[in-house]
Amino acid sequence: MSTLPASRYSYVPFPAGTSPSRRFRAFGLVVLVALGALGLSGCGNASINGSAFCRDLSALTELTVSRSVRPGASVTFTFPGRVVITRRAVVVGLAGDACALKPFPSGEFHCPADFGVTYELIYLAGRRGAATLEADPSGCPSLRGLGTVLSPTNRFWTDLATAMGLHPGQGACNPLFGSTVEAVCG
C-alpha cells in the first residue's frame, strides 16, 4: 500500500495562526449565507407563482370553491360544500380582488371567534391549474397562496359570496362563516 502526502487529504481552511474568533465569524458568515439562500429559494417560488398569477388574469376560465370545516366545529350551511363558477368575467374579477389585497399586518392580534371554516379556491386557465388559494373568513381572516399571507377586505368576501350565488351578509352573518348556535341572522 502506497502512502500519499498528507497535504493531498487534509484541508486547512485558515492559515496557521488565525485566531479562533476569526474562524468562528467566518463559519457564522458561511452558515448565514447558506440559510439565507435556503430561505430565498423557499419563499421565491411562492412569490414568483403569486405574481405570475396576478400578471395575467385574462386567461382564467373557472373557479372552484371548496369548503372545509374543522372537526368538531358547530356550523351549518345552506349551500353546497363545492361551488364551480364558470362566468369568465366573474372569475377574473374575483382573481383581481385577491391580487389587490394588502399583506396581512404584522404584530400581535387578538382575533374574534374562529368558526373553523376555510375555503380552497382553485383557479383554472382552460384545463390547466393557475393557482390554489386558501381563504379563511373567520377569526383573523386571511388569504394564502399568493406568496405572502394577505388580509381580505369586506369587498373580497362580498364578491365571493355573490359569485357563489349567496346573499352577502354582514359581519358574523356572512353566509361563508356558516350558521352557529350563537349567531342568529335574519
N, C-alpha and C. Protein backbone atom coordinates (compact mmCIF):
# COMPACT_ATOMS: atom_id res chain seq x y z
N MET A 1 0.84 -1.15 0.00
CA MET A 1 0.00 0.00 0.00
C MET A 1 0.90 1.23 0.00
N SER A 2 0.63 2.13 -0.93
CA SER A 2 1.46 3.33 -1.00
C SER A 2 0.81 4.45 -0.20
N THR A 3 1.58 5.33 0.29
CA THR A 3 1.10 6.44 1.09
C THR A 3 1.32 7.74 0.33
N LEU A 4 0.29 8.53 0.22
CA LEU A 4 0.40 9.82 -0.43
C LEU A 4 0.66 10.88 0.63
N PRO A 5 1.23 11.98 0.23
CA PRO A 5 1.50 13.03 1.21
C PRO A 5 0.19 13.51 1.87
N ALA A 6 0.27 13.86 3.13
CA ALA A 6 -0.89 14.28 3.91
C ALA A 6 -1.59 15.49 3.29
N SER A 7 -0.86 16.33 2.60
CA SER A 7 -1.47 17.53 2.04
C SER A 7 -2.53 17.20 0.99
N ARG A 8 -2.47 16.00 0.40
CA ARG A 8 -3.47 15.61 -0.58
C ARG A 8 -4.81 15.27 0.07
N TYR A 9 -4.80 14.97 1.36
CA TYR A 9 -6.02 14.54 2.04
C TYR A 9 -6.51 15.50 3.10
N SER A 10 -5.74 16.44 3.48
CA SER A 10 -6.17 17.35 4.53
C SER A 10 -6.49 18.71 3.92
N TYR A 11 -7.42 19.37 4.57
CA TYR A 11 -7.81 20.69 4.12
C TYR A 11 -7.80 21.61 5.33
N VAL A 12 -7.05 22.64 5.24
CA VAL A 12 -6.98 23.62 6.32
C VAL A 12 -7.56 24.92 5.78
N PRO A 13 -8.78 25.30 6.22
CA PRO A 13 -9.43 26.47 5.65
C PRO A 13 -8.81 27.80 6.05
N PHE A 14 -8.07 27.81 7.13
CA PHE A 14 -7.48 29.05 7.59
C PHE A 14 -5.96 28.88 7.70
N PRO A 15 -5.22 29.91 7.40
CA PRO A 15 -3.76 29.81 7.57
C PRO A 15 -3.40 29.65 9.05
N ALA A 16 -2.26 29.05 9.27
CA ALA A 16 -1.79 28.86 10.65
C ALA A 16 -1.75 30.21 11.35
N GLY A 17 -2.16 30.21 12.61
CA GLY A 17 -2.12 31.43 13.40
C GLY A 17 -3.40 32.25 13.36
N THR A 18 -4.45 31.79 12.62
CA THR A 18 -5.72 32.51 12.57
C THR A 18 -6.42 32.36 13.92
N SER A 19 -6.89 33.45 14.48
CA SER A 19 -7.49 33.40 15.82
C SER A 19 -8.82 32.64 15.79
N PRO A 20 -9.19 31.98 16.91
CA PRO A 20 -10.47 31.26 16.98
C PRO A 20 -11.67 32.17 16.73
N SER A 21 -11.63 33.43 17.20
CA SER A 21 -12.78 34.31 16.98
C SER A 21 -12.95 34.61 15.49
N ARG A 22 -11.87 34.75 14.77
CA ARG A 22 -11.98 34.99 13.32
C ARG A 22 -12.53 33.76 12.62
N ARG A 23 -12.10 32.57 13.06
CA ARG A 23 -12.62 31.33 12.49
C ARG A 23 -14.13 31.22 12.74
N PHE A 24 -14.56 31.56 13.96
CA PHE A 24 -15.98 31.49 14.32
C PHE A 24 -16.81 32.46 13.48
N ARG A 25 -16.30 33.70 13.32
CA ARG A 25 -17.02 34.67 12.50
C ARG A 25 -17.14 34.21 11.06
N ALA A 26 -16.09 33.64 10.52
CA ALA A 26 -16.13 33.15 9.13
C ALA A 26 -17.13 32.00 9.01
N PHE A 27 -17.12 31.10 9.99
CA PHE A 27 -18.08 29.98 9.97
C PHE A 27 -19.51 30.51 10.07
N GLY A 28 -19.74 31.49 10.95
CA GLY A 28 -21.06 32.08 11.10
C GLY A 28 -21.53 32.74 9.81
N LEU A 29 -20.63 33.40 9.10
CA LEU A 29 -20.99 34.03 7.83
C LEU A 29 -21.40 32.98 6.81
N VAL A 30 -20.65 31.87 6.75
CA VAL A 30 -20.99 30.79 5.81
C VAL A 30 -22.36 30.22 6.14
N VAL A 31 -22.65 29.99 7.42
CA VAL A 31 -23.95 29.45 7.83
C VAL A 31 -25.06 30.45 7.50
N LEU A 32 -24.84 31.72 7.76
CA LEU A 32 -25.83 32.75 7.48
C LEU A 32 -26.15 32.83 5.98
N VAL A 33 -25.12 32.78 5.15
CA VAL A 33 -25.33 32.82 3.69
C VAL A 33 -26.09 31.58 3.23
N ALA A 34 -25.74 30.42 3.77
CA ALA A 34 -26.42 29.18 3.37
C ALA A 34 -27.88 29.21 3.78
N LEU A 35 -28.17 29.64 5.01
CA LEU A 35 -29.56 29.72 5.46
C LEU A 35 -30.34 30.76 4.66
N GLY A 36 -29.72 31.86 4.34
CA GLY A 36 -30.37 32.88 3.53
C GLY A 36 -30.72 32.35 2.15
N ALA A 37 -29.82 31.59 1.57
CA ALA A 37 -30.09 31.02 0.25
C ALA A 37 -31.24 30.03 0.31
N LEU A 38 -31.28 29.23 1.37
CA LEU A 38 -32.40 28.30 1.52
C LEU A 38 -33.72 29.05 1.69
N GLY A 39 -33.71 30.08 2.50
CA GLY A 39 -34.92 30.87 2.73
C GLY A 39 -35.40 31.53 1.46
N LEU A 40 -34.49 32.09 0.68
CA LEU A 40 -34.90 32.74 -0.56
C LEU A 40 -35.45 31.74 -1.56
N SER A 41 -34.85 30.55 -1.60
CA SER A 41 -35.35 29.57 -2.57
C SER A 41 -36.73 29.09 -2.18
N GLY A 42 -37.01 28.96 -0.88
CA GLY A 42 -38.32 28.51 -0.45
C GLY A 42 -39.38 29.57 -0.67
N CYS A 43 -39.08 30.81 -0.34
CA CYS A 43 -40.06 31.88 -0.49
C CYS A 43 -40.16 32.34 -1.93
N GLY A 44 -39.08 32.24 -2.65
CA GLY A 44 -39.06 32.73 -4.01
C GLY A 44 -40.09 32.07 -4.88
N ASN A 45 -40.27 30.77 -4.74
CA ASN A 45 -41.23 30.09 -5.59
C ASN A 45 -42.64 30.59 -5.36
N ALA A 46 -43.01 30.79 -4.10
CA ALA A 46 -44.36 31.26 -3.81
C ALA A 46 -44.57 32.67 -4.37
N SER A 47 -43.58 33.54 -4.20
CA SER A 47 -43.72 34.90 -4.70
C SER A 47 -43.80 34.91 -6.21
N ILE A 48 -42.97 34.11 -6.87
CA ILE A 48 -42.99 34.08 -8.32
C ILE A 48 -44.33 33.55 -8.81
N ASN A 49 -44.84 32.48 -8.20
CA ASN A 49 -46.13 31.94 -8.62
C ASN A 49 -47.24 32.95 -8.39
N GLY A 50 -47.24 33.60 -7.25
CA GLY A 50 -48.28 34.57 -6.96
C GLY A 50 -48.26 35.74 -7.92
N SER A 51 -47.08 36.30 -8.17
CA SER A 51 -47.03 37.45 -9.05
C SER A 51 -47.30 37.03 -10.49
N ALA A 52 -46.88 35.85 -10.90
CA ALA A 52 -47.17 35.38 -12.26
C ALA A 52 -48.68 35.22 -12.43
N PHE A 53 -49.34 34.71 -11.42
CA PHE A 53 -50.79 34.55 -11.46
C PHE A 53 -51.46 35.90 -11.63
N CYS A 54 -51.01 36.88 -10.86
CA CYS A 54 -51.64 38.20 -10.88
C CYS A 54 -51.28 39.03 -12.11
N ARG A 55 -50.21 38.67 -12.81
CA ARG A 55 -49.80 39.42 -14.00
C ARG A 55 -50.77 39.27 -15.16
N ASP A 56 -51.34 38.07 -15.35
CA ASP A 56 -52.22 37.86 -16.49
C ASP A 56 -53.44 37.06 -16.06
N LEU A 57 -54.48 37.76 -15.68
CA LEU A 57 -55.71 37.12 -15.22
C LEU A 57 -56.66 36.80 -16.37
N SER A 58 -56.39 37.35 -17.53
CA SER A 58 -57.32 37.21 -18.66
C SER A 58 -57.49 35.77 -19.14
N ALA A 59 -56.54 34.90 -18.86
CA ALA A 59 -56.63 33.51 -19.31
C ALA A 59 -57.51 32.65 -18.39
N LEU A 60 -57.92 33.18 -17.24
CA LEU A 60 -58.71 32.39 -16.29
C LEU A 60 -60.09 32.08 -16.84
N THR A 61 -60.53 30.84 -16.62
CA THR A 61 -61.82 30.41 -17.16
C THR A 61 -62.75 29.83 -16.11
N GLU A 62 -62.23 29.40 -14.97
CA GLU A 62 -63.07 28.70 -13.99
C GLU A 62 -62.50 28.85 -12.59
N LEU A 63 -63.39 28.87 -11.62
CA LEU A 63 -63.01 28.88 -10.21
C LEU A 63 -63.87 27.87 -9.47
N THR A 64 -63.22 26.96 -8.77
CA THR A 64 -63.92 26.01 -7.91
C THR A 64 -63.66 26.41 -6.46
N VAL A 65 -64.73 26.59 -5.71
CA VAL A 65 -64.64 26.96 -4.30
C VAL A 65 -65.10 25.75 -3.48
N SER A 66 -64.18 25.21 -2.66
CA SER A 66 -64.49 24.04 -1.83
C SER A 66 -64.33 24.40 -0.37
N ARG A 67 -65.33 24.03 0.42
CA ARG A 67 -65.35 24.36 1.85
C ARG A 67 -64.78 23.20 2.67
N SER A 68 -64.02 23.55 3.70
CA SER A 68 -63.54 22.58 4.70
C SER A 68 -63.97 23.09 6.06
N VAL A 69 -64.42 22.18 6.90
CA VAL A 69 -64.82 22.55 8.25
C VAL A 69 -64.01 21.71 9.23
N ARG A 70 -63.39 22.37 10.19
CA ARG A 70 -62.58 21.68 11.20
C ARG A 70 -63.46 20.72 11.98
N PRO A 71 -62.98 19.50 12.22
CA PRO A 71 -63.78 18.55 13.01
C PRO A 71 -64.17 19.16 14.36
N GLY A 72 -65.42 18.96 14.72
CA GLY A 72 -65.92 19.48 15.99
C GLY A 72 -66.52 20.88 15.90
N ALA A 73 -66.36 21.53 14.74
CA ALA A 73 -66.93 22.87 14.58
C ALA A 73 -68.45 22.76 14.49
N SER A 74 -69.15 23.62 15.21
CA SER A 74 -70.62 23.59 15.24
C SER A 74 -71.19 24.62 14.28
N VAL A 75 -71.06 24.35 13.00
CA VAL A 75 -71.59 25.26 11.99
C VAL A 75 -72.39 24.48 10.96
N THR A 76 -73.38 25.14 10.39
CA THR A 76 -74.17 24.53 9.32
C THR A 76 -74.23 25.52 8.16
N PHE A 77 -74.52 24.99 6.98
CA PHE A 77 -74.54 25.82 5.79
C PHE A 77 -75.79 25.55 4.98
N THR A 78 -76.22 26.55 4.24
CA THR A 78 -77.41 26.41 3.40
C THR A 78 -77.03 26.28 1.92
N PHE A 79 -75.76 26.08 1.64
CA PHE A 79 -75.30 25.94 0.26
C PHE A 79 -74.29 24.78 0.19
N PRO A 80 -74.07 24.24 -1.01
CA PRO A 80 -73.19 23.07 -1.15
C PRO A 80 -71.74 23.37 -0.73
N GLY A 81 -71.03 22.32 -0.40
CA GLY A 81 -69.63 22.44 0.01
C GLY A 81 -68.68 22.70 -1.14
N ARG A 82 -69.17 22.57 -2.36
CA ARG A 82 -68.34 22.81 -3.55
C ARG A 82 -69.18 23.56 -4.57
N VAL A 83 -68.67 24.73 -4.99
CA VAL A 83 -69.36 25.55 -5.99
C VAL A 83 -68.38 25.84 -7.12
N VAL A 84 -68.83 25.62 -8.35
CA VAL A 84 -68.00 25.89 -9.53
C VAL A 84 -68.54 27.14 -10.23
N ILE A 85 -67.65 28.11 -10.46
CA ILE A 85 -68.01 29.36 -11.11
C ILE A 85 -67.34 29.37 -12.48
N THR A 86 -68.14 29.51 -13.54
CA THR A 86 -67.60 29.45 -14.90
C THR A 86 -67.79 30.74 -15.69
N ARG A 87 -68.46 31.72 -15.12
CA ARG A 87 -68.59 33.00 -15.82
C ARG A 87 -67.24 33.71 -15.78
N ARG A 88 -66.63 33.79 -16.95
CA ARG A 88 -65.25 34.28 -17.06
C ARG A 88 -65.05 35.65 -16.41
N ALA A 89 -65.94 36.59 -16.65
CA ALA A 89 -65.79 37.93 -16.08
C ALA A 89 -65.80 37.89 -14.55
N VAL A 90 -66.62 37.02 -13.98
CA VAL A 90 -66.71 36.88 -12.53
C VAL A 90 -65.42 36.26 -11.99
N VAL A 91 -64.93 35.22 -12.67
CA VAL A 91 -63.69 34.54 -12.25
C VAL A 91 -62.52 35.52 -12.28
N VAL A 92 -62.40 36.27 -13.37
CA VAL A 92 -61.31 37.25 -13.49
C VAL A 92 -61.47 38.35 -12.44
N GLY A 93 -62.70 38.81 -12.19
CA GLY A 93 -62.94 39.83 -11.17
C GLY A 93 -62.55 39.37 -9.78
N LEU A 94 -62.89 38.12 -9.43
CA LEU A 94 -62.53 37.59 -8.11
C LEU A 94 -61.01 37.45 -7.97
N ALA A 95 -60.35 37.02 -9.04
CA ALA A 95 -58.89 36.91 -9.01
C ALA A 95 -58.28 38.30 -8.84
N GLY A 96 -58.84 39.29 -9.53
CA GLY A 96 -58.36 40.66 -9.37
C GLY A 96 -58.53 41.16 -7.95
N ASP A 97 -59.67 40.82 -7.33
CA ASP A 97 -59.88 41.18 -5.91
C ASP A 97 -58.77 40.59 -5.05
N ALA A 98 -58.45 39.31 -5.26
CA ALA A 98 -57.42 38.63 -4.47
C ALA A 98 -56.05 39.29 -4.68
N CYS A 99 -55.73 39.60 -5.93
CA CYS A 99 -54.42 40.19 -6.24
C CYS A 99 -54.28 41.61 -5.69
N ALA A 100 -55.38 42.29 -5.47
CA ALA A 100 -55.34 43.67 -4.97
C ALA A 100 -55.24 43.75 -3.44
N LEU A 101 -55.33 42.61 -2.75
CA LEU A 101 -55.32 42.63 -1.29
C LEU A 101 -53.95 43.03 -0.76
N LYS A 102 -53.98 43.65 0.40
CA LYS A 102 -52.75 44.07 1.09
C LYS A 102 -52.23 42.91 1.95
N PRO A 103 -50.92 42.90 2.22
CA PRO A 103 -50.38 41.88 3.11
C PRO A 103 -51.00 41.96 4.50
N PHE A 104 -51.11 40.82 5.13
CA PHE A 104 -51.63 40.75 6.50
C PHE A 104 -50.67 41.54 7.38
N PRO A 105 -51.18 42.42 8.23
CA PRO A 105 -50.29 43.24 9.06
C PRO A 105 -49.51 42.39 10.05
N SER A 106 -48.32 42.86 10.38
CA SER A 106 -47.51 42.15 11.36
C SER A 106 -47.90 42.61 12.76
N GLY A 107 -47.51 41.84 13.74
CA GLY A 107 -47.80 42.20 15.12
C GLY A 107 -48.65 41.16 15.80
N GLU A 108 -49.02 41.46 17.03
CA GLU A 108 -49.83 40.54 17.83
C GLU A 108 -51.30 40.90 17.66
N PHE A 109 -52.14 39.89 17.47
CA PHE A 109 -53.57 40.11 17.28
C PHE A 109 -54.37 39.25 18.24
N HIS A 110 -55.49 39.75 18.64
CA HIS A 110 -56.46 39.00 19.43
C HIS A 110 -57.69 38.89 18.54
N CYS A 111 -57.81 37.76 17.89
CA CYS A 111 -58.83 37.58 16.86
C CYS A 111 -60.16 37.14 17.47
N PRO A 112 -61.27 37.55 16.83
CA PRO A 112 -62.58 37.08 17.29
C PRO A 112 -62.73 35.58 17.00
N ALA A 113 -63.87 35.06 17.29
CA ALA A 113 -64.12 33.62 17.15
C ALA A 113 -63.74 33.11 15.76
N ASP A 114 -63.01 32.00 15.77
CA ASP A 114 -62.69 31.30 14.53
C ASP A 114 -63.62 30.11 14.44
N PHE A 115 -64.51 30.09 13.46
CA PHE A 115 -65.51 29.04 13.35
C PHE A 115 -64.97 27.75 12.73
N GLY A 116 -63.70 27.75 12.34
CA GLY A 116 -63.10 26.53 11.81
C GLY A 116 -63.46 26.23 10.37
N VAL A 117 -63.78 27.26 9.61
CA VAL A 117 -64.18 27.10 8.21
C VAL A 117 -63.11 27.71 7.32
N THR A 118 -62.69 26.99 6.29
CA THR A 118 -61.79 27.54 5.28
C THR A 118 -62.32 27.17 3.90
N TYR A 119 -61.91 27.93 2.92
CA TYR A 119 -62.31 27.69 1.54
C TYR A 119 -61.06 27.56 0.67
N GLU A 120 -61.05 26.54 -0.16
CA GLU A 120 -59.99 26.38 -1.15
C GLU A 120 -60.52 26.93 -2.46
N LEU A 121 -59.80 27.88 -3.04
CA LEU A 121 -60.19 28.49 -4.30
C LEU A 121 -59.22 28.00 -5.37
N ILE A 122 -59.72 27.20 -6.31
CA ILE A 122 -58.87 26.64 -7.36
C ILE A 122 -59.22 27.33 -8.67
N TYR A 123 -58.27 28.10 -9.17
CA TYR A 123 -58.44 28.82 -10.44
C TYR A 123 -57.87 27.99 -11.58
N LEU A 124 -58.62 27.91 -12.67
CA LEU A 124 -58.17 27.21 -13.87
C LEU A 124 -58.08 28.18 -15.04
N ALA A 125 -57.11 27.91 -15.90
CA ALA A 125 -56.98 28.62 -17.18
C ALA A 125 -57.13 27.52 -18.23
N GLY A 126 -58.33 27.36 -18.75
CA GLY A 126 -58.61 26.22 -19.62
C GLY A 126 -58.64 24.97 -18.74
N ARG A 127 -57.82 23.98 -19.10
CA ARG A 127 -57.73 22.76 -18.29
C ARG A 127 -56.53 22.78 -17.35
N ARG A 128 -55.77 23.85 -17.40
CA ARG A 128 -54.54 23.96 -16.62
C ARG A 128 -54.81 24.71 -15.32
N GLY A 129 -54.26 24.20 -14.23
CA GLY A 129 -54.37 24.90 -12.95
C GLY A 129 -53.56 26.17 -12.97
N ALA A 130 -54.13 27.26 -12.49
CA ALA A 130 -53.44 28.54 -12.47
C ALA A 130 -52.99 28.92 -11.05
N ALA A 131 -53.83 28.65 -10.06
CA ALA A 131 -53.48 28.96 -8.66
C ALA A 131 -54.47 28.28 -7.74
N THR A 132 -53.99 27.93 -6.56
CA THR A 132 -54.84 27.41 -5.49
C THR A 132 -54.62 28.31 -4.28
N LEU A 133 -55.70 28.91 -3.82
CA LEU A 133 -55.64 29.82 -2.68
C LEU A 133 -56.45 29.23 -1.53
N GLU A 134 -56.10 29.61 -0.31
CA GLU A 134 -56.87 29.20 0.86
C GLU A 134 -57.38 30.44 1.56
N ALA A 135 -58.70 30.55 1.64
CA ALA A 135 -59.34 31.71 2.26
C ALA A 135 -59.96 31.29 3.59
N ASP A 136 -59.64 32.05 4.63
CA ASP A 136 -60.18 31.79 5.97
C ASP A 136 -61.01 33.02 6.36
N PRO A 137 -62.35 32.90 6.40
CA PRO A 137 -63.19 34.07 6.64
C PRO A 137 -63.37 34.47 8.10
N SER A 138 -63.07 33.59 9.05
CA SER A 138 -63.36 33.92 10.45
C SER A 138 -62.08 33.99 11.26
N GLY A 139 -62.22 34.41 12.52
CA GLY A 139 -61.03 34.62 13.34
C GLY A 139 -60.31 35.84 12.82
N CYS A 140 -59.05 35.68 12.45
CA CYS A 140 -58.31 36.73 11.75
C CYS A 140 -58.36 36.34 10.28
N PRO A 141 -59.30 36.89 9.50
CA PRO A 141 -59.45 36.49 8.10
C PRO A 141 -58.13 36.62 7.33
N SER A 142 -57.87 35.62 6.49
CA SER A 142 -56.63 35.63 5.73
C SER A 142 -56.82 34.93 4.39
N LEU A 143 -55.90 35.22 3.48
CA LEU A 143 -55.86 34.56 2.18
C LEU A 143 -54.42 34.14 1.95
N ARG A 144 -54.21 32.86 1.68
CA ARG A 144 -52.87 32.32 1.46
C ARG A 144 -52.78 31.74 0.05
N GLY A 145 -51.56 31.77 -0.49
CA GLY A 145 -51.33 31.13 -1.78
C GLY A 145 -50.74 32.05 -2.83
N LEU A 146 -50.61 33.33 -2.53
CA LEU A 146 -50.01 34.25 -3.49
C LEU A 146 -48.66 34.77 -3.02
N GLY A 147 -47.94 33.95 -2.27
CA GLY A 147 -46.59 34.31 -1.86
C GLY A 147 -46.49 34.88 -0.46
N THR A 148 -47.49 35.58 -0.01
CA THR A 148 -47.50 36.13 1.34
C THR A 148 -48.93 36.04 1.85
N VAL A 149 -49.09 36.04 3.15
CA VAL A 149 -50.45 36.00 3.71
C VAL A 149 -51.08 37.37 3.48
N LEU A 150 -52.30 37.35 2.93
CA LEU A 150 -53.00 38.59 2.61
C LEU A 150 -54.18 38.80 3.54
N SER A 151 -54.62 40.04 3.63
CA SER A 151 -55.73 40.42 4.51
C SER A 151 -56.96 40.74 3.66
N PRO A 152 -57.92 39.80 3.58
CA PRO A 152 -59.11 40.03 2.74
C PRO A 152 -59.98 41.18 3.24
N THR A 153 -60.55 41.89 2.31
CA THR A 153 -61.44 43.01 2.63
C THR A 153 -62.89 42.53 2.61
N ASN A 154 -63.79 43.38 3.10
CA ASN A 154 -65.22 43.06 3.01
C ASN A 154 -65.64 42.88 1.56
N ARG A 155 -65.07 43.69 0.68
CA ARG A 155 -65.40 43.58 -0.74
C ARG A 155 -65.04 42.19 -1.26
N PHE A 156 -63.88 41.66 -0.88
CA PHE A 156 -63.47 40.32 -1.32
C PHE A 156 -64.52 39.28 -0.91
N TRP A 157 -64.93 39.30 0.38
CA TRP A 157 -65.91 38.32 0.86
C TRP A 157 -67.27 38.51 0.21
N THR A 158 -67.69 39.77 0.03
CA THR A 158 -68.97 40.05 -0.61
C THR A 158 -68.98 39.57 -2.05
N ASP A 159 -67.92 39.87 -2.79
CA ASP A 159 -67.83 39.44 -4.19
C ASP A 159 -67.80 37.91 -4.30
N LEU A 160 -67.08 37.24 -3.38
CA LEU A 160 -67.02 35.78 -3.41
C LEU A 160 -68.40 35.19 -3.11
N ALA A 161 -69.07 35.69 -2.07
CA ALA A 161 -70.40 35.18 -1.73
C ALA A 161 -71.39 35.40 -2.88
N THR A 162 -71.36 36.58 -3.49
CA THR A 162 -72.25 36.88 -4.60
C THR A 162 -71.98 35.96 -5.79
N ALA A 163 -70.71 35.75 -6.10
CA ALA A 163 -70.35 34.87 -7.22
C ALA A 163 -70.82 33.43 -6.98
N MET A 164 -70.89 33.04 -5.71
CA MET A 164 -71.34 31.69 -5.36
C MET A 164 -72.86 31.60 -5.32
N GLY A 165 -73.54 32.71 -5.60
CA GLY A 165 -75.00 32.71 -5.61
C GLY A 165 -75.61 32.91 -4.24
N LEU A 166 -74.84 33.49 -3.31
CA LEU A 166 -75.32 33.71 -1.94
C LEU A 166 -75.65 35.18 -1.73
N HIS A 167 -76.55 35.44 -0.81
CA HIS A 167 -76.83 36.81 -0.42
C HIS A 167 -75.75 37.20 0.58
N PRO A 168 -74.90 38.17 0.24
CA PRO A 168 -73.81 38.51 1.16
C PRO A 168 -74.31 39.19 2.41
N GLY A 169 -74.09 38.57 3.56
CA GLY A 169 -74.46 39.16 4.84
C GLY A 169 -73.34 40.03 5.37
N GLN A 170 -73.51 40.56 6.54
CA GLN A 170 -72.50 41.41 7.16
C GLN A 170 -71.99 40.77 8.44
N GLY A 171 -70.72 40.98 8.74
CA GLY A 171 -70.13 40.50 9.98
C GLY A 171 -70.31 39.01 10.17
N ALA A 172 -70.77 38.62 11.37
CA ALA A 172 -70.94 37.20 11.69
C ALA A 172 -72.06 36.56 10.88
N CYS A 173 -72.88 37.36 10.20
CA CYS A 173 -73.97 36.82 9.39
C CYS A 173 -73.54 36.56 7.95
N ASN A 174 -72.26 36.72 7.65
CA ASN A 174 -71.75 36.38 6.33
C ASN A 174 -72.01 34.90 6.10
N PRO A 175 -72.69 34.52 5.01
CA PRO A 175 -73.02 33.10 4.81
C PRO A 175 -71.78 32.22 4.67
N LEU A 176 -70.64 32.79 4.34
CA LEU A 176 -69.43 31.99 4.22
C LEU A 176 -68.93 31.48 5.58
N PHE A 177 -69.36 32.14 6.66
CA PHE A 177 -69.00 31.69 8.00
C PHE A 177 -69.79 30.47 8.42
N GLY A 178 -70.99 30.33 7.87
CA GLY A 178 -71.92 29.29 8.33
C GLY A 178 -72.79 29.85 9.42
N SER A 179 -73.77 29.08 9.85
CA SER A 179 -74.66 29.49 10.94
C SER A 179 -74.21 28.77 12.20
N THR A 180 -74.10 29.52 13.27
CA THR A 180 -73.76 28.93 14.56
C THR A 180 -74.95 29.05 15.48
N VAL A 181 -74.91 28.33 16.57
CA VAL A 181 -76.00 28.41 17.55
C VAL A 181 -76.08 29.84 18.09
N GLU A 182 -74.93 30.50 18.29
CA GLU A 182 -74.92 31.83 18.87
C GLU A 182 -75.35 32.91 17.88
N ALA A 183 -75.09 32.73 16.59
CA ALA A 183 -75.38 33.77 15.61
C ALA A 183 -76.75 33.54 14.98
N VAL A 184 -77.63 34.50 15.16
CA VAL A 184 -78.96 34.43 14.56
C VAL A 184 -79.02 35.54 13.51
N CYS A 185 -79.10 35.14 12.26
CA CYS A 185 -79.08 36.11 11.16
C CYS A 185 -80.41 36.04 10.44
N GLY A 186 -81.15 37.16 10.45
CA GLY A 186 -82.47 37.22 9.86
C GLY A 186 -82.49 37.30 8.38
